[in-house]
Protein backbone atom coordinates (compact mmCIF):
# COMPACT_ATOMS: atom_id res chain seq x y z
CA MET A 1 4.82 10.81 -0.40
CA THR A 2 8.04 12.24 -1.75
CA ALA A 3 11.64 11.52 -0.80
CA LEU A 4 11.71 14.91 0.96
CA GLU A 5 9.09 13.86 3.50
CA THR A 6 10.19 12.51 6.86
CA VAL A 7 9.27 8.98 7.96
CA ASP A 8 10.00 6.81 10.99
CA TYR A 9 12.96 4.46 10.75
CA VAL A 10 12.38 1.29 12.76
CA ASP A 11 14.48 -1.61 13.98
CA ALA A 12 14.03 -5.30 13.18
CA ASP A 13 11.19 -5.48 15.73
CA ASP A 14 9.31 -2.49 14.23
CA ARG A 15 10.28 -0.12 17.06
CA PRO A 16 10.90 3.52 16.02
CA VAL A 17 14.55 4.50 16.51
CA ALA A 18 15.00 7.55 14.26
CA CYS A 19 13.39 9.70 11.58
CA GLY A 20 14.65 10.64 8.19
CA PRO A 21 13.82 10.99 4.51
CA ARG A 22 11.96 8.21 2.76
CA GLY A 23 14.50 5.89 1.18
CA GLY A 24 17.16 6.61 3.79
CA ALA A 25 16.52 3.81 6.28
CA ALA A 26 18.48 1.11 4.43
CA ALA A 27 21.71 3.14 4.49
CA ARG A 28 21.47 3.13 8.29
CA GLY A 29 20.68 -0.60 8.50
CA LEU A 30 17.08 0.14 9.48
CA CYS A 31 13.61 -0.46 8.06
CA TYR A 32 10.79 1.94 7.27
CA ARG A 33 7.03 1.46 7.59
CA VAL A 34 4.27 1.10 5.00
CA ALA A 35 0.53 1.12 5.69
CA ALA A 36 -1.55 -0.37 2.89
CA THR A 37 -5.19 -1.30 2.37
CA VAL A 38 -6.84 -3.94 0.24
CA CYS A 39 -10.16 -2.42 -0.79
CA LEU A 40 -13.36 -4.35 -1.43
CA ASP A 41 -16.75 -3.16 -2.59
CA ARG A 42 -20.01 -4.36 -1.02
CA ALA A 43 -20.10 -7.32 -3.43
CA GLY A 44 -16.68 -8.49 -2.20
CA ARG A 45 -14.83 -7.48 -5.37
CA LEU A 46 -11.26 -6.22 -5.05
CA LEU A 47 -10.09 -2.85 -6.24
CA VAL A 48 -7.25 -3.31 -8.73
CA TYR A 49 -5.43 -0.30 -10.04
CA ARG A 50 -2.58 0.52 -12.38
CA ARG A 51 0.08 2.79 -10.97
CA SER A 52 1.00 5.96 -12.80
CA PRO A 53 3.63 5.50 -15.51
CA ARG A 54 5.54 8.26 -13.68
CA ALA A 55 5.60 6.41 -10.34
CA PRO A 56 9.17 6.21 -9.02
CA VAL A 57 8.74 2.56 -8.00
CA TYR A 58 6.91 -0.02 -10.14
CA PRO A 59 5.65 2.45 -12.76
CA ALA A 60 2.57 1.30 -14.71
CA HIS A 61 2.29 -1.90 -12.62
CA HIS A 62 -1.05 -3.23 -11.35
CA ASP A 63 -1.61 -3.57 -7.62
CA ILE A 64 -4.23 -4.12 -4.92
CA LEU A 65 -2.41 -2.27 -2.13
CA ILE A 66 -3.40 1.37 -1.64
CA GLY A 67 -1.01 3.00 0.76
CA GLY A 68 2.17 4.73 1.71
CA CYS A 69 4.45 5.53 4.60
CA PRO A 70 3.05 6.65 7.94
CA ARG A 71 4.23 10.07 9.07
CA PRO A 72 6.46 10.14 12.15
CA GLY A 73 4.40 9.00 15.13
CA GLU A 74 1.35 8.16 12.97
CA SER A 75 -0.20 4.74 13.53
CA TYR A 76 -0.49 2.25 10.70
CA ARG A 77 -4.30 2.47 10.84
CA ALA A 78 -4.35 6.28 10.76
CA ALA A 79 -1.91 6.26 7.82
CA ALA A 80 -4.02 3.69 5.97
CA ALA A 81 -7.16 5.81 6.41
CA ARG A 82 -5.30 8.97 5.31
CA GLU A 83 -3.96 7.25 2.19
CA LEU A 84 -7.49 6.14 1.23
CA ARG A 85 -8.66 9.74 1.47
CA GLU A 86 -5.68 11.07 -0.49
CA GLU A 87 -5.53 8.46 -3.25
CA LEU A 88 -9.18 7.41 -3.65
CA GLY A 89 -11.15 10.29 -2.13
CA VAL A 90 -13.00 7.98 0.28
CA ARG A 91 -13.40 7.74 4.02
CA ALA A 92 -13.24 4.20 5.35
CA ALA A 93 -12.39 2.31 8.52
CA PRO A 94 -9.45 0.07 7.62
CA ARG A 95 -8.95 -3.05 9.76
CA GLN A 96 -5.43 -4.47 10.03
CA VAL A 97 -5.23 -8.11 8.94
CA LEU A 98 -1.51 -8.66 8.41
CA ARG A 99 1.83 -7.19 9.45
CA THR A 100 5.00 -8.53 7.93
CA ARG A 101 8.56 -7.53 7.21
CA CYS A 102 9.40 -7.52 3.51
CA ALA A 103 11.92 -6.27 0.99
CA SER A 104 11.20 -3.35 -1.29
CA PRO A 105 13.19 -1.60 -4.02
CA VAL A 106 14.30 1.02 -1.46
CA GLY A 107 15.10 -1.32 1.45
CA ASP A 108 13.40 -3.52 4.00
CA CYS A 109 10.09 -2.36 5.42
CA TRP A 110 7.38 -3.35 7.84
CA LEU A 111 4.14 -3.64 5.90
CA ALA A 112 0.80 -3.43 7.72
CA VAL A 113 -2.01 -4.61 5.45
CA HIS A 114 -5.58 -3.55 6.14
CA LEU A 115 -8.98 -4.41 4.65
CA ALA A 116 -11.68 -1.83 4.05
CA GLU A 117 -15.04 -1.71 2.32
CA ILE A 118 -15.26 1.23 -0.05
CA PRO A 119 -17.79 2.57 -2.56
CA THR A 120 -17.26 1.94 -6.26
CA ALA A 121 -17.52 5.65 -7.08
CA LEU A 122 -14.01 6.96 -6.43
CA ARG A 123 -12.18 10.25 -6.90
CA VAL A 124 -8.76 8.81 -7.67
CA ASP A 125 -5.61 10.90 -7.64
CA PRO A 126 -4.41 10.74 -11.28
CA ARG A 127 -0.82 11.37 -10.12
CA GLU A 128 -0.99 8.01 -8.33
CA ILE A 129 -3.56 5.93 -10.22
CA ALA A 130 -3.74 5.63 -14.01
CA GLU A 131 -6.81 3.36 -14.08
CA HIS A 132 -8.82 1.13 -11.76
CA PHE A 133 -11.46 -1.59 -11.76
CA PHE A 134 -13.16 -4.04 -9.39
CA VAL A 135 -12.88 -7.81 -9.82
CA ALA A 136 -13.74 -10.94 -7.83
CA PRO A 137 -10.71 -12.31 -5.92
CA ARG A 138 -10.89 -15.76 -7.58
CA ARG A 139 -11.02 -14.18 -11.02
CA LEU A 140 -8.02 -11.98 -10.20
CA LEU A 141 -6.06 -14.98 -8.92
CA ALA A 142 -6.90 -16.92 -12.09
CA ARG A 143 -6.03 -14.05 -14.42
CA THR A 144 -3.66 -11.56 -12.82
CA PRO A 145 -2.83 -8.58 -15.07
CA SER A 146 0.80 -8.01 -15.90
CA PRO A 147 2.97 -6.43 -14.74
CA PHE A 148 1.87 -6.66 -11.09
CA VAL A 149 3.64 -5.29 -7.99
CA PRO A 150 5.31 -8.35 -6.39
CA GLU A 151 4.29 -7.63 -2.78
CA GLY A 152 0.72 -6.89 -3.86
CA HIS A 153 0.60 -10.30 -5.55
CA ARG A 154 1.98 -12.00 -2.42
CA VAL A 155 -0.72 -10.33 -0.30
CA LEU A 156 -3.40 -11.28 -2.84
CA THR A 157 -2.33 -14.92 -2.66
CA ARG A 158 -1.98 -14.93 1.12
CA LEU A 159 -5.40 -13.40 1.78
CA PHE A 160 -7.51 -14.90 -1.01
CA ALA A 161 -5.95 -18.14 -2.33
């Protein structure tokens, strides 16, 4: 998603109140939404990826959250499924497991985290993902690559510690 795309701006209770460009919610004292998915293979290993070095936020950082902003009126679940198709080239049925308000480099957001089982053969978008691998959650917790996106690490700890 680019800054030119329109997203929902939401209040402190995650109720839509306006629309505008991504990155513009904070200037209005509002939040934006993010739908993300933690992906596991059939063996229960987590997908870990390294963001593109050209990413505008957290370039070249590792993460476990595949996602982005829902389009205006789009549900978190629909956005999560769309992002999996766009970034990994897979169709999956994400299941929401967590929704929390958190800070980001462009302002506060509501983050809906999903889980989905995906195949290990992926067609990643190289504009988004520089490299990827699968690893057991305990192994990732014991040896987290650096640098790692802070919110992705918080989710990792919350779901798998």
